[in-house]
Amino acid sequence: MVSRVTSMELLKGVHVIETYATTTLLIDDRLILVDTSADADAGKVMDYLTHIRVTPKDLSTIFITHTHPDHVGGLAAIKHGSPAKVAAHRIEADFIARKRVYDGPSGPQSHPGTPVDVLLDDGQKVDGLEVIFTPGHTRGSISLFDASHSLLIAGDAARNESGVQPMDDRYNVDPKQHRESIKKLAKFHFENAVFGHGAPIKGGASAKITDLAKHL
């Protein structure tokens, strides 16, 4: 029996899977998953894929925005048996693979290490997504811009809990750099946005990021 999944199709081909840290699925001529939430939430992601008749074997790429456990914890379970390539910023890759111990908040990690196949850099385009290097929350955090949907997948470059705001500085490796990354996002134009934490925005999203950047 498939458990109830409180998720939605935000835009045609853009599915927002509500887990502890939001997982995003893009479906058009490619099948892309962005972030895999915590290990305990991997089942919810799998249930949603089953619900829309997608299996992990159908995935082409799994992007990881950063190495925190609530974004990478489910990776090993979802990647198991899937030919999908794992993509992350090159700074973050060794932390995701557990080749290096992550030295920022929230401390050393316990997720099963998964090798990163595609090392990403700022401005690079992979599967139609533009990589935006947004460090500060972690050393190698990224956001992704999907021009075809006028969509920013912010990861934890910002959050939308009681309004768009920075992440709690207790979890940022470099609070000043985190705010510079928000200012960087404000230079892009996008109608829609998905955040790792908080509600997605449909319509007028970049105006909210720009407004936040002005007050930092």
C-alpha atoms as a PDB file:
ATOM      1  CA  MET A   1       0.000   0.000   0.000  1.00  0.00           C
ATOM      2  CA  VAL A   2       1.364   3.412  -0.977  1.00  0.00           C
ATOM      3  CA  SER A   3       1.232   5.905   1.881  1.00  0.00           C
ATOM      4  CA  ARG A   4      -0.393   9.278   1.364  1.00  0.00           C
ATOM      5  CA  VAL A   5       2.100  11.784   0.006  1.00  0.00           C
ATOM      6  CA  THR A   6       1.398  15.485   0.575  1.00  0.00           C
ATOM      7  CA  SER A   7       3.077  16.769  -2.562  1.00  0.00           C
ATOM      8  CA  MET A   8       2.053  18.485  -5.743  1.00  0.00           C
ATOM      9  CA  GLU A   9       2.755  19.396  -9.319  1.00  0.00           C
ATOM     10  CA  LEU A  10       3.689  23.068  -8.924  1.00  0.00           C
ATOM     11  CA  LEU A  11       3.990  23.663 -12.665  1.00  0.00           C
ATOM     12  CA  LYS A  12       3.532  21.293 -15.576  1.00  0.00           C
ATOM     13  CA  GLY A  13       6.457  18.893 -15.259  1.00  0.00           C
ATOM     14  CA  VAL A  14       7.664  20.324 -11.934  1.00  0.00           C
ATOM     15  CA  HIS A  15       6.774  18.191  -8.929  1.00  0.00           C
ATOM     16  CA  VAL A  16       7.440  19.364  -5.375  1.00  0.00           C
ATOM     17  CA  ILE A  17       7.744  16.413  -3.000  1.00  0.00           C
ATOM     18  CA  GLU A  18       7.166  17.605   0.548  1.00  0.00           C
ATOM     19  CA  THR A  19       9.739  16.008   2.808  1.00  0.00           C
ATOM     20  CA  TYR A  20      11.740  17.472   5.700  1.00  0.00           C
ATOM     21  CA  ALA A  21      13.841  19.265   3.063  1.00  0.00           C
ATOM     22  CA  THR A  22      11.907  19.629  -0.178  1.00  0.00           C
ATOM     23  CA  THR A  23      12.757  17.296  -3.052  1.00  0.00           C
ATOM     24  CA  THR A  24      12.031  18.540  -6.582  1.00  0.00           C
ATOM     25  CA  LEU A  25      11.334  16.328  -9.612  1.00  0.00           C
ATOM     26  CA  LEU A  26      11.497  17.696 -13.155  1.00  0.00           C
ATOM     27  CA  ILE A  27       9.800  15.753 -15.931  1.00  0.00           C
ATOM     28  CA  ASP A  28       9.974  16.625 -19.615  1.00  0.00           C
ATOM     29  CA  ASP A  29      12.476  15.092 -22.012  1.00  0.00           C
ATOM     30  CA  ARG A  30      14.572  14.248 -18.945  1.00  0.00           C
ATOM     31  CA  LEU A  31      13.834  13.020 -15.436  1.00  0.00           C
ATOM     32  CA  ILE A  32      15.744  14.950 -12.811  1.00  0.00           C
ATOM     33  CA  LEU A  33      15.594  14.766  -9.022  1.00  0.00           C
ATOM     34  CA  VAL A  34      16.978  17.625  -6.932  1.00  0.00           C
ATOM     35  CA  ASP A  35      17.885  16.670  -3.342  1.00  0.00           C
ATOM     36  CA  THR A  36      16.886  13.452  -1.611  1.00  0.00           C
ATOM     37  CA  SER A  37      15.889  14.656   1.876  1.00  0.00           C
ATOM     38  CA  ALA A  38      16.758  12.735   5.030  1.00  0.00           C
ATOM     39  CA  ASP A  39      17.255   8.983   5.106  1.00  0.00           C
ATOM     40  CA  ALA A  40      13.911   8.557   6.880  1.00  0.00           C
ATOM     41  CA  ASP A  41      12.173  10.440   4.044  1.00  0.00           C
ATOM     42  CA  ALA A  42      13.566   8.364   1.170  1.00  0.00           C
ATOM     43  CA  GLY A  43      10.454   6.189   1.347  1.00  0.00           C
ATOM     44  CA  LYS A  44       8.218   9.238   0.857  1.00  0.00           C
ATOM     45  CA  VAL A  45      10.160  10.192  -2.274  1.00  0.00           C
ATOM     46  CA  MET A  46       9.889   6.629  -3.594  1.00  0.00           C
ATOM     47  CA  ASP A  47       6.154   6.584  -2.834  1.00  0.00           C
ATOM     48  CA  TYR A  48       5.646   9.772  -4.799  1.00  0.00           C
ATOM     49  CA  LEU A  49       7.608   8.421  -7.758  1.00  0.00           C
ATOM     50  CA  THR A  50       5.419   5.309  -7.669  1.00  0.00           C
ATOM     51  CA  HIS A  51       2.309   7.501  -7.420  1.00  0.00           C
ATOM     52  CA  ILE A  52       3.170   9.244 -10.711  1.00  0.00           C
ATOM     53  CA  ARG A  53       4.450   6.016 -12.294  1.00  0.00           C
ATOM     54  CA  VAL A  54       8.155   6.855 -12.214  1.00  0.00           C
ATOM     55  CA  THR A  55      10.864   4.563 -10.834  1.00  0.00           C
ATOM     56  CA  PRO A  56      14.419   5.409  -9.747  1.00  0.00           C
ATOM     57  CA  LYS A  57      15.578   3.533 -12.870  1.00  0.00           C
ATOM     58  CA  ASP A  58      13.932   6.270 -14.973  1.00  0.00           C
ATOM     59  CA  LEU A  59      15.993   9.083 -13.439  1.00  0.00           C
ATOM     60  CA  SER A  60      18.785  10.608 -15.519  1.00  0.00           C
ATOM     61  CA  THR A  61      20.419  12.876 -12.926  1.00  0.00           C
ATOM     62  CA  ILE A  62      20.180  13.421  -9.168  1.00  0.00           C
ATOM     63  CA  PHE A  63      21.403  16.893  -8.205  1.00  0.00           C
ATOM     64  CA  ILE A  64      22.445  17.507  -4.601  1.00  0.00           C
ATOM     65  CA  THR A  65      22.407  21.192  -3.650  1.00  0.00           C
ATOM     66  CA  HIS A  66      24.568  20.641  -0.566  1.00  0.00           C
ATOM     67  CA  THR A  67      25.797  18.022   1.839  1.00  0.00           C
ATOM     68  CA  HIS A  68      23.548  18.547   4.874  1.00  0.00           C
ATOM     69  CA  PRO A  69      21.852  15.309   6.013  1.00  0.00           C
ATOM     70  CA  ASP A  70      18.328  16.552   5.295  1.00  0.00           C
ATOM     71  CA  HIS A  71      19.272  16.942   1.610  1.00  0.00           C
ATOM     72  CA  VAL A  72      21.641  14.026   1.035  1.00  0.00           C
ATOM     73  CA  GLY A  73      20.456  11.419   3.558  1.00  0.00           C
ATOM     74  CA  GLY A  74      18.114   9.603   1.168  1.00  0.00           C
ATOM     75  CA  LEU A  75      20.579   9.577  -1.738  1.00  0.00           C
ATOM     76  CA  ALA A  76      21.992   6.086  -1.208  1.00  0.00           C
ATOM     77  CA  ALA A  77      18.520   4.490  -1.034  1.00  0.00           C
ATOM     78  CA  ILE A  78      17.195   6.331  -4.105  1.00  0.00           C
ATOM     79  CA  LYS A  79      20.397   5.834  -6.106  1.00  0.00           C
ATOM     80  CA  HIS A  80      20.389   2.092  -5.347  1.00  0.00           C
ATOM     81  CA  GLY A  81      19.514   0.301  -8.569  1.00  0.00           C
ATOM     82  CA  SER A  82      19.276   3.584 -10.500  1.00  0.00           C
ATOM     83  CA  PRO A  83      21.568   4.479 -13.418  1.00  0.00           C
ATOM     84  CA  ALA A  84      21.154   8.184 -12.578  1.00  0.00           C
ATOM     85  CA  LYS A  85      24.302  10.259 -12.361  1.00  0.00           C
ATOM     86  CA  VAL A  86      24.823  12.163  -9.121  1.00  0.00           C
ATOM     87  CA  ALA A  87      25.747  15.833  -9.664  1.00  0.00           C
ATOM     88  CA  ALA A  88      27.017  18.313  -7.064  1.00  0.00           C
ATOM     89  CA  HIS A  89      29.455  21.180  -6.779  1.00  0.00           C
ATOM     90  CA  ARG A  90      33.058  19.993  -6.797  1.00  0.00           C
ATOM     91  CA  ILE A  91      33.651  21.496  -3.309  1.00  0.00           C
ATOM     92  CA  GLU A  92      30.805  19.407  -1.916  1.00  0.00           C
ATOM     93  CA  ALA A  93      31.590  16.133  -3.712  1.00  0.00           C
ATOM     94  CA  ASP A  94      34.010  14.637  -1.169  1.00  0.00           C
ATOM     95  CA  PHE A  95      31.608  15.422   1.695  1.00  0.00           C
ATOM     96  CA  ILE A  96      28.746  13.681  -0.141  1.00  0.00           C
ATOM     97  CA  ALA A  97      30.985  10.694  -0.889  1.00  0.00           C
ATOM     98  CA  ARG A  98      32.205  10.754   2.749  1.00  0.00           C
ATOM     99  CA  LYS A  99      35.810  10.963   1.579  1.00  0.00           C
ATOM    100  CA  ARG A 100      36.217  14.015   3.802  1.00  0.00           C
ATOM    101  CA  VAL A 101      34.631  14.877   7.142  1.00  0.00           C
ATOM    102  CA  TYR A 102      32.368  17.901   6.869  1.00  0.00           C
ATOM    103  CA  ASP A 103      33.636  20.487   9.349  1.00  0.00           C
ATOM    104  CA  GLY A 104      30.750  22.978   9.408  1.00  0.00           C
ATOM    105  CA  PRO A 105      27.371  22.928  11.126  1.00  0.00           C
ATOM    106  CA  SER A 106      25.550  20.585  11.698  1.00  0.00           C
ATOM    107  CA  GLY A 107      28.706  18.635  12.465  1.00  0.00           C
ATOM    108  CA  PRO A 108      30.166  15.353  11.165  1.00  0.00           C
ATOM    109  CA  GLN A 109      27.811  13.387   8.969  1.00  0.00           C
ATOM    110  CA  SER A 110      26.480   9.850   9.095  1.00  0.00           C
ATOM    111  CA  HIS A 111      24.805   9.389   5.683  1.00  0.00           C
ATOM    112  CA  PRO A 112      26.051   6.494   3.529  1.00  0.00           C
ATOM    113  CA  GLY A 113      28.685   7.926   1.193  1.00  0.00           C
ATOM    114  CA  THR A 114      27.671   8.046  -2.484  1.00  0.00           C
ATOM    115  CA  PRO A 115      30.173   8.963  -5.213  1.00  0.00           C
ATOM    116  CA  VAL A 116      29.468  12.133  -7.197  1.00  0.00           C
ATOM    117  CA  ASP A 117      29.647  11.487 -10.950  1.00  0.00           C
ATOM    118  CA  VAL A 118      29.343  15.052 -12.269  1.00  0.00           C
ATOM    119  CA  LEU A 119      31.394  17.819 -10.634  1.00  0.00           C
ATOM    120  CA  LEU A 120      29.620  21.144 -11.076  1.00  0.00           C
ATOM    121  CA  ASP A 121      30.963  24.689 -11.366  1.00  0.00           C
ATOM    122  CA  ASP A 122      29.284  28.091 -11.353  1.00  0.00           C
ATOM    123  CA  GLY A 123      27.533  28.889 -14.623  1.00  0.00           C
ATOM    124  CA  GLN A 124      27.724  25.339 -15.956  1.00  0.00           C
ATOM    125  CA  LYS A 125      24.633  23.898 -17.649  1.00  0.00           C
ATOM    126  CA  VAL A 126      23.724  20.253 -17.069  1.00  0.00           C
ATOM    127  CA  ASP A 127      20.459  18.703 -18.289  1.00  0.00           C
ATOM    128  CA  GLY A 128      19.158  22.184 -19.070  1.00  0.00           C
ATOM    129  CA  LEU A 129      19.780  23.490 -15.544  1.00  0.00           C
ATOM    130  CA  GLU A 130      22.187  26.356 -14.896  1.00  0.00           C
ATOM    131  CA  VAL A 131      24.355  25.969 -11.810  1.00  0.00           C
ATOM    132  CA  ILE A 132      24.452  29.010  -9.516  1.00  0.00           C
ATOM    133  CA  PHE A 133      27.211  28.729  -6.926  1.00  0.00           C
ATOM    134  CA  THR A 134      25.636  29.973  -3.669  1.00  0.00           C
ATOM    135  CA  PRO A 135      28.110  29.194  -0.858  1.00  0.00           C
ATOM    136  CA  GLY A 136      27.714  30.280   2.739  1.00  0.00           C
ATOM    137  CA  HIS A 137      25.135  27.807   3.971  1.00  0.00           C
ATOM    138  CA  THR A 138      27.753  25.134   3.257  1.00  0.00           C
ATOM    139  CA  ARG A 139      31.075  25.601   1.476  1.00  0.00           C
ATOM    140  CA  GLY A 140      29.826  24.232  -1.845  1.00  0.00           C
ATOM    141  CA  SER A 141      26.099  25.005  -1.844  1.00  0.00           C
ATOM    142  CA  ILE A 142      24.409  25.513  -5.203  1.00  0.00           C
ATOM    143  CA  SER A 143      21.067  26.676  -6.528  1.00  0.00           C
ATOM    144  CA  LEU A 144      19.733  25.664  -9.943  1.00  0.00           C
ATOM    145  CA  PHE A 145      18.017  27.829 -12.559  1.00  0.00           C
ATOM    146  CA  ASP A 146      15.601  26.171 -14.964  1.00  0.00           C
ATOM    147  CA  ALA A 147      14.877  28.730 -17.698  1.00  0.00           C
ATOM    148  CA  SER A 148      12.324  26.473 -19.386  1.00  0.00           C
ATOM    149  CA  HIS A 149      10.052  26.784 -16.322  1.00  0.00           C
ATOM    150  CA  SER A 150      11.286  30.236 -15.177  1.00  0.00           C
ATOM    151  CA  LEU A 151      12.154  28.372 -11.997  1.00  0.00           C
ATOM    152  CA  LEU A 152      14.784  28.774  -9.296  1.00  0.00           C
ATOM    153  CA  ILE A 153      15.503  25.685  -7.223  1.00  0.00           C
ATOM    154  CA  ALA A 154      17.116  27.493  -4.323  1.00  0.00           C
ATOM    155  CA  GLY A 155      18.214  24.607  -2.118  1.00  0.00           C
ATOM    156  CA  ASP A 156      19.114  26.302   1.172  1.00  0.00           C
ATOM    157  CA  ALA A 157      20.381  29.559  -0.364  1.00  0.00           C
ATOM    158  CA  ALA A 158      17.218  31.045   1.194  1.00  0.00           C
ATOM    159  CA  ARG A 159      14.061  29.769   2.874  1.00  0.00           C
ATOM    160  CA  ASN A 160      10.382  30.679   2.679  1.00  0.00           C
ATOM    161  CA  GLU A 161       9.133  30.103   6.196  1.00  0.00           C
ATOM    162  CA  SER A 162       7.071  33.130   7.321  1.00  0.00           C
ATOM    163  CA  GLY A 163       8.375  34.998   4.286  1.00  0.00           C
ATOM    164  CA  VAL A 164      11.561  34.754   2.221  1.00  0.00           C
ATOM    165  CA  GLN A 165      14.584  35.080   4.488  1.00  0.00           C
ATOM    166  CA  PRO A 166      18.133  33.792   5.020  1.00  0.00           C
ATOM    167  CA  MET A 167      18.724  30.434   6.648  1.00  0.00           C
ATOM    168  CA  ASP A 168      19.236  30.392  10.418  1.00  0.00           C
ATOM    169  CA  ASP A 169      22.886  31.356  10.981  1.00  0.00           C
ATOM    170  CA  ARG A 170      23.352  28.454  13.392  1.00  0.00           C
ATOM    171  CA  TYR A 171      23.407  26.259  10.287  1.00  0.00           C
ATOM    172  CA  ASN A 172      25.455  28.524   7.993  1.00  0.00           C
ATOM    173  CA  VAL A 173      29.176  27.882   7.690  1.00  0.00           C
ATOM    174  CA  ASP A 174      29.699  31.536   6.661  1.00  0.00           C
ATOM    175  CA  PRO A 175      26.742  33.882   7.368  1.00  0.00           C
ATOM    176  CA  LYS A 176      28.261  36.833   5.445  1.00  0.00           C
ATOM    177  CA  GLN A 177      28.916  34.702   2.366  1.00  0.00           C
ATOM    178  CA  HIS A 178      25.380  33.270   2.653  1.00  0.00           C
ATOM    179  CA  ARG A 179      23.954  36.788   2.335  1.00  0.00           C
ATOM    180  CA  GLU A 180      26.213  37.563  -0.632  1.00  0.00           C
ATOM    181  CA  SER A 181      24.769  34.474  -2.321  1.00  0.00           C
ATOM    182  CA  ILE A 182      21.221  35.792  -1.811  1.00  0.00           C
ATOM    183  CA  LYS A 183      22.312  39.062  -3.479  1.00  0.00           C
ATOM    184  CA  LYS A 184      23.678  36.991  -6.352  1.00  0.00           C
ATOM    185  CA  LEU A 185      20.305  35.236  -6.799  1.00  0.00           C
ATOM    186  CA  ALA A 186      18.636  38.648  -6.947  1.00  0.00           C
ATOM    187  CA  LYS A 187      20.412  39.276 -10.275  1.00  0.00           C
ATOM    188  CA  PHE A 188      18.442  36.463 -11.931  1.00  0.00           C
ATOM    189  CA  HIS A 189      14.850  36.766 -13.131  1.00  0.00           C
ATOM    190  CA  PHE A 190      12.466  33.888 -12.420  1.00  0.00           C
ATOM    191  CA  GLU A 191       8.747  33.688 -11.841  1.00  0.00           C
ATOM    192  CA  ASN A 192       8.756  30.587  -9.649  1.00  0.00           C
ATOM    193  CA  ALA A 193      10.924  29.234  -6.849  1.00  0.00           C
ATOM    194  CA  VAL A 194      11.255  26.093  -4.760  1.00  0.00           C
ATOM    195  CA  PHE A 195      13.061  26.214  -1.415  1.00  0.00           C
ATOM    196  CA  GLY A 196      14.559  23.453   0.689  1.00  0.00           C
ATOM    197  CA  HIS A 197      12.493  24.747   3.593  1.00  0.00           C
ATOM    198  CA  GLY A 198       9.173  26.534   3.291  1.00  0.00           C
ATOM    199  CA  ALA A 199       6.494  26.914   0.657  1.00  0.00           C
ATOM    200  CA  PRO A 200       7.252  27.185  -3.061  1.00  0.00           C
ATOM    201  CA  ILE A 201       6.387  30.446  -4.809  1.00  0.00           C
ATOM    202  CA  LYS A 202       4.372  30.473  -8.025  1.00  0.00           C
ATOM    203  CA  GLY A 203       4.603  33.862  -9.731  1.00  0.00           C
ATOM    204  CA  GLY A 204       6.661  36.899  -8.707  1.00  0.00           C
ATOM    205  CA  ALA A 205       9.383  34.900  -6.975  1.00  0.00           C
ATOM    206  CA  SER A 206      12.439  36.901  -8.033  1.00  0.00           C
ATOM    207  CA  ALA A 207      10.837  40.143  -6.768  1.00  0.00           C
ATOM    208  CA  LYS A 208      10.704  38.601  -3.294  1.00  0.00           C
ATOM    209  CA  ILE A 209      14.373  37.560  -3.470  1.00  0.00           C
ATOM    210  CA  THR A 210      15.323  41.032  -4.725  1.00  0.00           C
ATOM    211  CA  ASP A 211      13.420  42.652  -1.863  1.00  0.00           C
ATOM    212  CA  LEU A 212      15.206  40.426   0.655  1.00  0.00           C
ATOM    213  CA  ALA A 213      18.601  41.230  -0.890  1.00  0.00           C
ATOM    214  CA  LYS A 214      17.963  44.985  -0.465  1.00  0.00           C
ATOM    215  CA  HIS A 215      17.542  44.524   3.278  1.00  0.00           C
ATOM    216  CA  LEU A 216      20.614  42.415   3.957  1.00  0.00           C
END
